[in-house]
C-alpha atoms as a PDB file:
ATOM      1  CA  MET A   1       0.113  -0.083  -0.283  1.00  0.00           C
ATOM      2  CA  LEU A   2       1.514   3.309  -0.649  1.00  0.00           C
ATOM      3  CA  ARG A   3       1.567   5.611   1.851  1.00  0.00           C
ATOM      4  CA  LYS A   4      -0.470   9.145   0.965  1.00  0.00           C
ATOM      5  CA  GLU A   5       1.605  12.104   1.368  1.00  0.00           C
ATOM      6  CA  ASN A   6       1.244  14.576   4.078  1.00  0.00           C
ATOM      7  CA  THR A   7      -1.224  17.459   2.867  1.00  0.00           C
ATOM      8  CA  LEU A   8      -0.007  19.586   6.008  1.00  0.00           C
ATOM      9  CA  TRP A   9       2.616  21.790   4.380  1.00  0.00           C
ATOM     10  CA  VAL A  10       3.981  22.402   7.906  1.00  0.00           C
ATOM     11  CA  GLU A  11       4.786  18.808   8.353  1.00  0.00           C
ATOM     12  CA  LYS A  12       5.624  17.825   4.520  1.00  0.00           C
ATOM     13  CA  TYR A  13       8.166  20.810   4.536  1.00  0.00           C
ATOM     14  CA  ARG A  14       9.118  20.369   8.254  1.00  0.00           C
ATOM     15  CA  PRO A  15      13.701  20.064   8.355  1.00  0.00           C
ATOM     16  CA  SER A  16      14.616  16.869   8.642  1.00  0.00           C
ATOM     17  CA  THR A  17      18.247  16.912   7.971  1.00  0.00           C
ATOM     18  CA  LEU A  18      20.628  19.966   8.522  1.00  0.00           C
ATOM     19  CA  ASN A  19      20.821  20.760   5.248  1.00  0.00           C
ATOM     20  CA  SER A  20      16.967  21.895   5.277  1.00  0.00           C
ATOM     21  CA  TYR A  21      17.431  23.747   8.533  1.00  0.00           C
ATOM     22  CA  ILE A  22      17.578  27.512   8.597  1.00  0.00           C
ATOM     23  CA  GLY A  23      19.717  29.878   9.892  1.00  0.00           C
ATOM     24  CA  ASN A  24      22.396  29.457  12.816  1.00  0.00           C
ATOM     25  CA  PRO A  25      25.303  28.708  10.534  1.00  0.00           C
ATOM     26  CA  ASP A  26      28.084  28.361  12.969  1.00  0.00           C
ATOM     27  CA  VAL A  27      26.107  26.201  15.249  1.00  0.00           C
ATOM     28  CA  ILE A  28      25.099  23.540  12.440  1.00  0.00           C
ATOM     29  CA  GLU A  29      28.583  23.281  11.188  1.00  0.00           C
ATOM     30  CA  LYS A  30      29.793  22.250  15.122  1.00  0.00           C
ATOM     31  CA  ILE A  31      26.554  20.385  14.910  1.00  0.00           C
ATOM     32  CA  LYS A  32      27.410  18.558  11.820  1.00  0.00           C
ATOM     33  CA  SER A  33      30.886  17.414  13.195  1.00  0.00           C
ATOM     34  CA  PHE A  34      29.209  15.742  16.298  1.00  0.00           C
ATOM     35  CA  ILE A  35      26.893  13.907  13.752  1.00  0.00           C
ATOM     36  CA  ASP A  36      29.948  12.754  11.771  1.00  0.00           C
ATOM     37  CA  SER A  37      31.501  11.439  14.360  1.00  0.00           C
ATOM     38  CA  ASN A  38      28.480   9.346  15.315  1.00  0.00           C
ATOM     39  CA  ASP A  39      29.018  11.241  19.512  1.00  0.00           C
ATOM     40  CA  VAL A  40      27.205  13.795  21.177  1.00  0.00           C
ATOM     41  CA  PRO A  41      27.503  15.422  23.916  1.00  0.00           C
ATOM     42  CA  HIS A  42      25.560  16.751  26.503  1.00  0.00           C
ATOM     43  CA  LEU A  43      23.625  19.923  25.058  1.00  0.00           C
ATOM     44  CA  LEU A  44      21.808  23.054  25.923  1.00  0.00           C
ATOM     45  CA  LEU A  45      20.502  24.539  22.658  1.00  0.00           C
ATOM     46  CA  CYS A  46      18.529  27.941  24.471  1.00  0.00           C
ATOM     47  CA  GLY A  47      16.816  31.121  22.958  1.00  0.00           C
ATOM     48  CA  LYS A  48      13.397  32.407  21.903  1.00  0.00           C
ATOM     49  CA  ALA A  49      10.313  30.431  21.293  1.00  0.00           C
ATOM     50  CA  GLY A  50       9.746  29.094  17.735  1.00  0.00           C
ATOM     51  CA  THR A  51      13.671  29.263  16.241  1.00  0.00           C
ATOM     52  CA  GLY A  52      13.800  25.940  15.892  1.00  0.00           C
ATOM     53  CA  LYS A  53      15.502  24.285  19.006  1.00  0.00           C
ATOM     54  CA  THR A  54      13.177  21.225  18.794  1.00  0.00           C
ATOM     55  CA  THR A  55      13.473  20.632  15.483  1.00  0.00           C
ATOM     56  CA  LEU A  56      17.140  20.894  15.572  1.00  0.00           C
ATOM     57  CA  ALA A  57      17.106  18.297  18.728  1.00  0.00           C
ATOM     58  CA  LYS A  58      15.154  15.692  16.570  1.00  0.00           C
ATOM     59  CA  ILE A  59      17.292  16.641  13.235  1.00  0.00           C
ATOM     60  CA  ILE A  60      20.363  14.872  15.705  1.00  0.00           C
ATOM     61  CA  VAL A  61      18.838  12.042  17.299  1.00  0.00           C
ATOM     62  CA  ASN A  62      17.408  11.251  13.953  1.00  0.00           C
ATOM     63  CA  ALA A  63      20.916  11.731  11.973  1.00  0.00           C
ATOM     64  CA  ILE A  64      23.114   9.324  14.309  1.00  0.00           C
ATOM     65  CA  ASN A  65      22.358   5.760  15.536  1.00  0.00           C
ATOM     66  CA  CYS A  66      20.972   5.736  19.041  1.00  0.00           C
ATOM     67  CA  ASP A  67      18.128   4.855  21.518  1.00  0.00           C
ATOM     68  CA  HIS A  68      16.169   8.090  21.781  1.00  0.00           C
ATOM     69  CA  LEU A  69      13.752   9.053  25.042  1.00  0.00           C
ATOM     70  CA  TYR A  70      11.819  12.141  24.078  1.00  0.00           C
ATOM     71  CA  ILE A  71      10.120  14.327  27.148  1.00  0.00           C
ATOM     72  CA  ASN A  72       8.205  17.972  27.223  1.00  0.00           C
ATOM     73  CA  ALA A  73       9.112  18.800  30.986  1.00  0.00           C
ATOM     74  CA  SER A  74       6.845  21.786  30.615  1.00  0.00           C
ATOM     75  CA  ASP A  75       4.617  18.610  31.422  1.00  0.00           C
ATOM     76  CA  LYS A  76       6.775  17.253  34.020  1.00  0.00           C
ATOM     77  CA  GLY A  77       8.672  20.082  36.305  1.00  0.00           C
ATOM     78  CA  GLY A  78       8.977  17.800  39.202  1.00  0.00           C
ATOM     79  CA  VAL A  79      11.920  15.199  40.237  1.00  0.00           C
ATOM     80  CA  GLU A  80       9.371  12.328  40.314  1.00  0.00           C
ATOM     81  CA  PHE A  81       9.739  12.298  36.492  1.00  0.00           C
ATOM     82  CA  VAL A  82      13.601  12.017  36.950  1.00  0.00           C
ATOM     83  CA  ARG A  83      13.295   8.643  38.801  1.00  0.00           C
ATOM     84  CA  THR A  84      10.249   7.058  37.037  1.00  0.00           C
ATOM     85  CA  GLU A  85      10.962   7.862  33.535  1.00  0.00           C
ATOM     86  CA  LEU A  86      14.253   9.057  32.936  1.00  0.00           C
ATOM     87  CA  ILE A  87      16.991   7.228  34.628  1.00  0.00           C
ATOM     88  CA  PRO A  88      15.159   3.895  33.657  1.00  0.00           C
ATOM     89  CA  PHE A  89      15.565   4.758  29.956  1.00  0.00           C
ATOM     90  CA  ALA A  90      19.139   5.922  30.664  1.00  0.00           C
ATOM     91  CA  SER A  91      20.196   3.221  33.226  1.00  0.00           C
ATOM     92  CA  SER A  92      18.603   0.361  30.731  1.00  0.00           C
ATOM     93  CA  ALA A  93      20.585  -1.803  28.419  1.00  0.00           C
ATOM     94  CA  GLY A  94      19.513  -0.603  24.535  1.00  0.00           C
ATOM     95  CA  PHE A  95      19.803  -1.492  20.621  1.00  0.00           C
ATOM     96  CA  ASN A  96      22.963   0.516  20.159  1.00  0.00           C
ATOM     97  CA  ASP A  97      25.766   1.933  21.494  1.00  0.00           C
ATOM     98  CA  LEU A  98      24.511   5.543  22.395  1.00  0.00           C
ATOM     99  CA  LYS A  99      20.915   6.849  24.193  1.00  0.00           C
ATOM    100  CA  ILE A 100      19.808  10.482  23.827  1.00  0.00           C
ATOM    101  CA  VAL A 101      17.631  11.791  25.932  1.00  0.00           C
ATOM    102  CA  ILE A 102      15.568  15.171  24.640  1.00  0.00           C
ATOM    103  CA  LEU A 103      14.561  17.562  26.992  1.00  0.00           C
ATOM    104  CA  ASP A 104      12.357  19.984  26.016  1.00  0.00           C
ATOM    105  CA  GLU A 105      11.501  22.910  27.914  1.00  0.00           C
ATOM    106  CA  ALA A 106      14.140  22.077  30.477  1.00  0.00           C
ATOM    107  CA  ASP A 107      13.483  25.739  32.362  1.00  0.00           C
ATOM    108  CA  PHE A 108      10.243  24.713  33.558  1.00  0.00           C
ATOM    109  CA  ILE A 109      12.312  21.870  35.258  1.00  0.00           C
ATOM    110  CA  THR A 110      11.846  22.557  39.341  1.00  0.00           C
ATOM    111  CA  PRO A 111      15.613  23.341  40.961  1.00  0.00           C
ATOM    112  CA  ASN A 112      15.353  20.157  42.491  1.00  0.00           C
ATOM    113  CA  ALA A 113      14.716  18.558  39.554  1.00  0.00           C
ATOM    114  CA  GLN A 114      17.578  20.153  38.052  1.00  0.00           C
ATOM    115  CA  ALA A 115      19.793  18.499  40.463  1.00  0.00           C
ATOM    116  CA  ALA A 116      19.007  14.902  40.090  1.00  0.00           C
ATOM    117  CA  LEU A 117      19.271  15.113  36.639  1.00  0.00           C
ATOM    118  CA  ARG A 118      22.582  16.747  36.920  1.00  0.00           C
ATOM    119  CA  ASN A 119      23.363  13.609  38.876  1.00  0.00           C
ATOM    120  CA  ALA A 120      22.014  10.974  35.964  1.00  0.00           C
ATOM    121  CA  MET A 121      24.123  13.226  33.574  1.00  0.00           C
ATOM    122  CA  GLU A 122      27.101  12.124  35.274  1.00  0.00           C
ATOM    123  CA  THR A 123      26.461   9.015  36.236  1.00  0.00           C
ATOM    124  CA  PHE A 124      25.196   7.678  32.595  1.00  0.00           C
ATOM    125  CA  SER A 125      26.909  10.081  30.649  1.00  0.00           C
ATOM    126  CA  ARG A 126      29.619   7.102  29.436  1.00  0.00           C
ATOM    127  CA  HIS A 127      26.572   5.454  27.299  1.00  0.00           C
ATOM    128  CA  CYS A 128      23.611   8.541  27.588  1.00  0.00           C
ATOM    129  CA  ARG A 129      23.560  11.989  26.497  1.00  0.00           C
ATOM    130  CA  PHE A 130      20.998  14.760  27.228  1.00  0.00           C
ATOM    131  CA  ILE A 131      19.597  17.499  24.944  1.00  0.00           C
ATOM    132  CA  LEU A 132      18.087  20.349  26.351  1.00  0.00           C
ATOM    133  CA  THR A 133      16.280  23.043  25.001  1.00  0.00           C
ATOM    134  CA  CYS A 134      14.855  25.954  26.928  1.00  0.00           C
ATOM    135  CA  ASN A 135      13.530  29.944  26.475  1.00  0.00           C
ATOM    136  CA  TYR A 136      15.773  31.245  29.467  1.00  0.00           C
ATOM    137  CA  VAL A 137      18.878  29.853  29.590  1.00  0.00           C
ATOM    138  CA  GLU A 138      18.908  31.552  32.940  1.00  0.00           C
ATOM    139  CA  LYS A 139      16.588  29.569  34.596  1.00  0.00           C
ATOM    140  CA  ILE A 140      19.200  26.343  34.181  1.00  0.00           C
ATOM    141  CA  ILE A 141      21.367  25.264  37.247  1.00  0.00           C
ATOM    142  CA  ASP A 142      24.899  26.208  36.518  1.00  0.00           C
ATOM    143  CA  PRO A 143      25.811  22.658  37.208  1.00  0.00           C
ATOM    144  CA  ILE A 144      24.359  21.718  34.424  1.00  0.00           C
ATOM    145  CA  GLN A 145      25.031  24.445  32.251  1.00  0.00           C
ATOM    146  CA  SER A 146      28.508  23.817  32.781  1.00  0.00           C
ATOM    147  CA  ARG A 147      27.892  20.046  31.621  1.00  0.00           C
ATOM    148  CA  CYS A 148      26.650  21.133  28.617  1.00  0.00           C
ATOM    149  CA  GLN A 149      28.005  22.738  25.489  1.00  0.00           C
ATOM    150  CA  VAL A 150      25.697  25.707  25.229  1.00  0.00           C
ATOM    151  CA  PHE A 151      24.010  26.996  21.884  1.00  0.00           C
ATOM    152  CA  SER A 152      22.295  29.950  21.598  1.00  0.00           C
ATOM    153  CA  ILE A 153      19.801  29.167  18.811  1.00  0.00           C
ATOM    154  CA  THR A 154      18.866  32.438  17.343  1.00  0.00           C
ATOM    155  CA  PRO A 155      15.644  33.839  14.950  1.00  0.00           C
ATOM    156  CA  PRO A 156      16.439  33.114  10.854  1.00  0.00           C
ATOM    157  CA  THR A 157      16.766  36.196   9.633  1.00  0.00           C
ATOM    158  CA  LYS A 158      13.323  37.725   7.670  1.00  0.00           C
ATOM    159  CA  LYS A 159      15.061  37.127   4.282  1.00  0.00           C
ATOM    160  CA  ASP A 160      15.850  34.113   4.893  1.00  0.00           C
ATOM    161  CA  VAL A 161      12.330  33.457   5.943  1.00  0.00           C
ATOM    162  CA  ALA A 162      10.872  34.648   2.701  1.00  0.00           C
ATOM    163  CA  VAL A 163      13.070  33.014   1.228  1.00  0.00           C
ATOM    164  CA  ARG A 164      11.912  29.645   2.610  1.00  0.00           C
ATOM    165  CA  MET A 165       7.986  30.794   1.652  1.00  0.00           C
ATOM    166  CA  VAL A 166       9.340  31.544  -1.669  1.00  0.00           C
ATOM    167  CA  GLU A 167      10.398  27.629  -2.398  1.00  0.00           C
ATOM    168  CA  ILE A 168       7.443  26.370  -0.415  1.00  0.00           C
ATOM    169  CA  LEU A 169       4.907  28.484  -2.722  1.00  0.00           C
ATOM    170  CA  ASN A 170       7.038  27.499  -5.522  1.00  0.00           C
ATOM    171  CA  GLU A 171       6.875  23.592  -5.068  1.00  0.00           C
ATOM    172  CA  GLU A 172       3.114  24.137  -4.481  1.00  0.00           C
ATOM    173  CA  SER A 173       2.748  26.092  -8.033  1.00  0.00           C
ATOM    174  CA  ILE A 174       0.992  28.959  -5.974  1.00  0.00           C
ATOM    175  CA  GLU A 175       1.008  32.662  -7.618  1.00  0.00           C
ATOM    176  CA  TYR A 176       1.883  35.444  -4.869  1.00  0.00           C
ATOM    177  CA  SER A 177       2.227  39.121  -4.642  1.00  0.00           C
ATOM    178  CA  LYS A 178       5.720  40.303  -3.078  1.00  0.00           C
ATOM    179  CA  GLU A 179       3.362  42.825  -0.902  1.00  0.00           C
ATOM    180  CA  ASP A 180       1.377  39.520   0.584  1.00  0.00           C
ATOM    181  CA  LEU A 181       4.562  37.624   1.451  1.00  0.00           C
ATOM    182  CA  VAL A 182       5.881  40.122   3.307  1.00  0.00           C
ATOM    183  CA  LEU A 183       2.668  40.567   5.277  1.00  0.00           C
ATOM    184  CA  VAL A 184       2.454  36.863   6.025  1.00  0.00           C
ATOM    185  CA  VAL A 185       6.222  36.933   7.191  1.00  0.00           C
ATOM    186  CA  ASN A 186       6.025  40.353   9.124  1.00  0.00           C
ATOM    187  CA  ASN A 187       3.051  38.834  10.823  1.00  0.00           C
ATOM    188  CA  THR A 188       4.568  35.497  12.017  1.00  0.00           C
ATOM    189  CA  TYR A 189       8.192  35.897  12.284  1.00  0.00           C
ATOM    190  CA  PRO A 190       9.924  34.313  13.940  1.00  0.00           C
ATOM    191  CA  ASP A 191       7.985  31.096  13.992  1.00  0.00           C
ATOM    192  CA  ILE A 192       8.136  29.431  10.796  1.00  0.00           C
ATOM    193  CA  ARG A 193       5.549  27.000  10.849  1.00  0.00           C
ATOM    194  CA  ARG A 194       2.678  29.544  11.812  1.00  0.00           C
ATOM    195  CA  ALA A 195       4.352  30.933   8.961  1.00  0.00           C
ATOM    196  CA  ILE A 196       3.752  28.089   6.893  1.00  0.00           C
ATOM    197  CA  ASN A 197       0.275  27.444   8.225  1.00  0.00           C
ATOM    198  CA  SER A 198      -0.569  30.961   7.013  1.00  0.00           C
ATOM    199  CA  LEU A 199       0.655  30.646   3.564  1.00  0.00           C
ATOM    200  CA  GLN A 200      -1.328  27.051   3.560  1.00  0.00           C
ATOM    201  CA  ARG A 201      -4.704  28.707   4.869  1.00  0.00           C
ATOM    202  CA  GLN A 202      -4.555  31.817   2.784  1.00  0.00           C
ATOM    203  CA  SER A 203      -3.929  29.375  -0.601  1.00  0.00           C
ATOM    204  CA  ASN A 204      -6.392  29.309  -2.689  1.00  0.00           C
ATOM    205  CA  SER A 205      -7.428  27.686  -6.528  1.00  0.00           C
ATOM    206  CA  GLY A 206      -3.120  28.488  -6.746  1.00  0.00           C
ATOM    207  CA  LYS A 207      -3.407  31.714  -5.365  1.00  0.00           C
ATOM    208  CA  LEU A 208      -2.262  33.178  -2.514  1.00  0.00           C
ATOM    209  CA  SER A 209      -4.631  35.922  -1.591  1.00  0.00           C
ATOM    210  CA  ILE A 210      -4.384  37.881   1.770  1.00  0.00           C
ATOM    211  CA  ASP A 211      -6.808  39.962   3.595  1.00  0.00           C
ATOM    212  CA  THR A 212      -5.109  42.840   5.072  1.00  0.00           C
ATOM    213  CA  LYS A 213      -7.639  43.915   7.189  1.00  0.00           C
ATOM    214  CA  ALA A 214      -8.341  40.246   8.468  1.00  0.00           C
ATOM    215  CA  VAL A 215      -4.735  40.087   9.197  1.00  0.00           C
ATOM    216  CA  ILE A 216      -4.180  43.028  11.343  1.00  0.00           C
ATOM    217  CA  GLU A 217      -7.513  42.263  13.222  1.00  0.00           C
ATOM    218  CA  SER A 218      -5.829  38.865  14.168  1.00  0.00           C
ATOM    219  CA  ASN A 219      -2.477  39.812  15.035  1.00  0.00           C
ATOM    220  CA  TYR A 220      -2.229  41.808  18.134  1.00  0.00           C
ATOM    221  CA  GLN A 221       0.946  42.982  17.483  1.00  0.00           C
ATOM    222  CA  LEU A 222      -0.057  44.614  14.073  1.00  0.00           C
ATOM    223  CA  LYS A 223      -2.832  46.424  16.430  1.00  0.00           C
ATOM    224  CA  LEU A 224      -0.537  47.825  19.047  1.00  0.00           C
ATOM    225  CA  LEU A 225       1.833  48.934  15.863  1.00  0.00           C
ATOM    226  CA  GLU A 226      -1.159  51.018  14.583  1.00  0.00           C
ATOM    227  CA  LEU A 227      -2.221  52.181  17.384  1.00  0.00           C
ATOM    228  CA  LEU A 228       1.458  53.621  18.497  1.00  0.00           C
ATOM    229  CA  LYS A 229       0.919  55.827  15.094  1.00  0.00           C
ATOM    230  CA  LEU A 230      -2.679  57.428  16.444  1.00  0.00           C
ATOM    231  CA  GLN A 231      -2.314  61.199  17.357  1.00  0.00           C
ATOM    232  CA  ASP A 232      -4.327  61.040  20.107  1.00  0.00           C
ATOM    233  CA  LYS A 233      -2.101  59.468  22.822  1.00  0.00           C
ATOM    234  CA  LYS A 234      -5.218  58.497  25.093  1.00  0.00           C
ATOM    235  CA  LYS A 235      -7.184  56.925  22.736  1.00  0.00           C
ATOM    236  CA  ALA A 236      -4.045  54.980  21.672  1.00  0.00           C
ATOM    237  CA  PHE A 237      -3.531  53.580  25.717  1.00  0.00           C
ATOM    238  CA  SER A 238      -6.863  53.023  26.381  1.00  0.00           C
ATOM    239  CA  ASP A 239      -7.152  50.598  23.344  1.00  0.00           C
ATOM    240  CA  ILE A 240      -3.125  49.131  23.932  1.00  0.00           C
ATOM    241  CA  ARG A 241      -4.468  48.159  27.431  1.00  0.00           C
ATOM    242  CA  LYS A 242      -7.704  46.855  26.118  1.00  0.00           C
ATOM    243  CA  ILE A 243      -5.621  44.599  23.826  1.00  0.00           C
ATOM    244  CA  LEU A 244      -3.210  43.427  26.217  1.00  0.00           C
ATOM    245  CA  ALA A 245      -6.111  42.196  28.553  1.00  0.00           C
ATOM    246  CA  ASP A 246      -7.750  40.475  25.683  1.00  0.00           C
ATOM    247  CA  VAL A 247      -5.055  38.576  24.435  1.00  0.00           C
ATOM    248  CA  ASN A 248      -4.087  37.331  27.734  1.00  0.00           C
ATOM    249  CA  GLN A 249      -0.441  36.484  26.494  1.00  0.00           C
ATOM    250  CA  ASN A 250       2.420  35.776  29.023  1.00  0.00           C
ATOM    251  CA  ASP A 251       6.008  36.045  27.051  1.00  0.00           C
ATOM    252  CA  PHE A 252       6.348  38.963  25.348  1.00  0.00           C
ATOM    253  CA  THR A 253       9.724  38.242  23.682  1.00  0.00           C
ATOM    254  CA  SER A 254       8.317  38.542  20.134  1.00  0.00           C
ATOM    255  CA  LEU A 255       6.636  42.118  20.839  1.00  0.00           C
ATOM    256  CA  TYR A 256       9.933  42.933  21.554  1.00  0.00           C
ATOM    257  CA  SER A 257      11.882  42.411  18.573  1.00  0.00           C
ATOM    258  CA  PHE A 258       8.807  43.469  16.104  1.00  0.00           C
ATOM    259  CA  LEU A 259       8.554  46.334  17.646  1.00  0.00           C
ATOM    260  CA  TYR A 260      12.416  47.079  17.258  1.00  0.00           C
ATOM    261  CA  ASP A 261      12.205  45.618  13.700  1.00  0.00           C
ATOM    262  CA  THR A 262       8.957  47.909  12.767  1.00  0.00           C
ATOM    263  CA  ILE A 263      10.398  50.988  15.018  1.00  0.00           C
ATOM    264  CA  ASP A 264      10.735  53.635  11.723  1.00  0.00           C
ATOM    265  CA  GLU A 265       6.985  52.776  11.417  1.00  0.00           C
ATOM    266  CA  TYR A 266       6.293  54.805  14.381  1.00  0.00           C
ATOM    267  CA  ALA A 267       8.998  56.383  16.288  1.00  0.00           C
ATOM    268  CA  GLN A 268      10.166  58.858  13.713  1.00  0.00           C
ATOM    269  CA  GLY A 269      12.236  61.240  15.348  1.00  0.00           C
ATOM    270  CA  HIS A 270      12.552  59.520  18.350  1.00  0.00           C
ATOM    271  CA  VAL A 271      14.146  56.088  17.193  1.00  0.00           C
ATOM    272  CA  ALA A 272      17.201  56.534  19.531  1.00  0.00           C
ATOM    273  CA  ALA A 273      14.709  57.389  23.003  1.00  0.00           C
ATOM    274  CA  VAL A 274      12.634  54.302  22.351  1.00  0.00           C
ATOM    275  CA  ILE A 275      15.491  51.939  21.699  1.00  0.00           C
ATOM    276  CA  LEU A 276      16.525  52.555  25.342  1.00  0.00           C
ATOM    277  CA  ILE A 277      13.127  52.262  26.514  1.00  0.00           C
ATOM    278  CA  LEU A 278      12.499  48.887  24.627  1.00  0.00           C
ATOM    279  CA  ALA A 279      16.416  47.495  25.728  1.00  0.00           C
ATOM    280  CA  GLU A 280      15.132  48.649  29.203  1.00  0.00           C
ATOM    281  CA  ALA A 281      11.811  46.880  29.361  1.00  0.00           C
ATOM    282  CA  GLN A 282      13.474  43.493  27.416  1.00  0.00           C
ATOM    283  CA  TYR A 283      16.258  43.574  29.836  1.00  0.00           C
ATOM    284  CA  THR A 284      13.738  43.725  32.788  1.00  0.00           C
ATOM    285  CA  ASP A 285      11.041  41.205  31.389  1.00  0.00           C
ATOM    286  CA  PRO A 286      12.220  38.102  32.950  1.00  0.00           C
ATOM    287  CA  SER A 287      12.477  39.272  36.840  1.00  0.00           C
ATOM    288  CA  ALA A 288       8.650  40.727  36.042  1.00  0.00           C
ATOM    289  CA  VAL A 289       6.346  39.093  38.376  1.00  0.00           C
ATOM    290  CA  ASP A 290       2.961  40.113  36.097  1.00  0.00           C
ATOM    291  CA  LYS A 291       3.819  40.603  32.832  1.00  0.00           C
ATOM    292  CA  GLU A 292       0.977  42.420  31.340  1.00  0.00           C
ATOM    293  CA  LEU A 293       1.890  45.411  34.068  1.00  0.00           C
ATOM    294  CA  HIS A 294       5.237  45.421  33.208  1.00  0.00           C
ATOM    295  CA  ILE A 295       4.276  45.744  28.994  1.00  0.00           C
ATOM    296  CA  ALA A 296       1.945  48.089  29.927  1.00  0.00           C
ATOM    297  CA  SER A 297       4.603  50.185  31.869  1.00  0.00           C
ATOM    298  CA  MET A 298       6.803  50.038  28.836  1.00  0.00           C
ATOM    299  CA  PHE A 299       3.338  50.975  26.716  1.00  0.00           C
ATOM    300  CA  VAL A 300       3.249  54.496  28.973  1.00  0.00           C
ATOM    301  CA  LYS A 301       6.725  55.638  28.256  1.00  0.00           C
ATOM    302  CA  LEU A 302       6.830  55.236  24.380  1.00  0.00           C
ATOM    303  CA  LEU A 303       3.832  57.126  24.283  1.00  0.00           C
ATOM    304  CA  ASN A 304       4.945  59.832  25.998  1.00  0.00           C
ATOM    305  CA  GLU A 305       7.874  59.951  24.422  1.00  0.00           C
ATOM    306  CA  LEU A 306       5.894  59.591  20.950  1.00  0.00           C
ATOM    307  CA  GLY A 307       3.428  62.635  21.912  1.00  0.00           C
END
């Protein structure tokens, strides 16, 4: 029986090799040397959400001769999963000489569980290696960081994302305009998976058809950008507060990058001051208890500066 081709573009075009992975060329070159030697050290892949950390980890285990276990640590957290899932896998006999454990979103693991993990990394390091991914490397205890080769995974450039989108559209024989492609990339960056889903959803009868108004309405970042351009700063702030409350967002990492990338659209004559405001807010964000309150205070400063 012939296997049916996957109709979901996000699966059809998911990177499965280092050659199809976008961005981070220096990291990829180093990873390639590990794969060529069929020996991977403990790795810690850190960076923003949606930048390909998990995809890279899976490419590694698929490229070498090993048994592997995938664990999403955000569903676990406590020390119990280390004892009941991780250690039994790491300590048991396998079909291959090497085992690899992928611990996705490892920054959700509690300090006590990280201490147990550190001991497991030491005890079974001869035949079992660990690949950890995290958004916030500062939440990983130093003893684990020191046992890993740490790689910062940065988002591919918008140009790289756009090039990949063009490749997919051409492969699917979809007509498109440059303006529509730019809108999709800006709307989804740096999440390539979301970009591909957006392309497929809005491709009909062999043509990419973007409803610009609908895109802006559905993307809170674009709505915030439009509000920053308003002359009436009091009304702008009132609407910004409503948006922040409605989106119920607890991670504004991508928003800081978006506001910096689009700074020339809303901050002409105030660019330097706005950069300082964004940099300060981004720096203090990880320690903020109430993320919505923190980001709202940043918009107060932005609107005061722009006003």
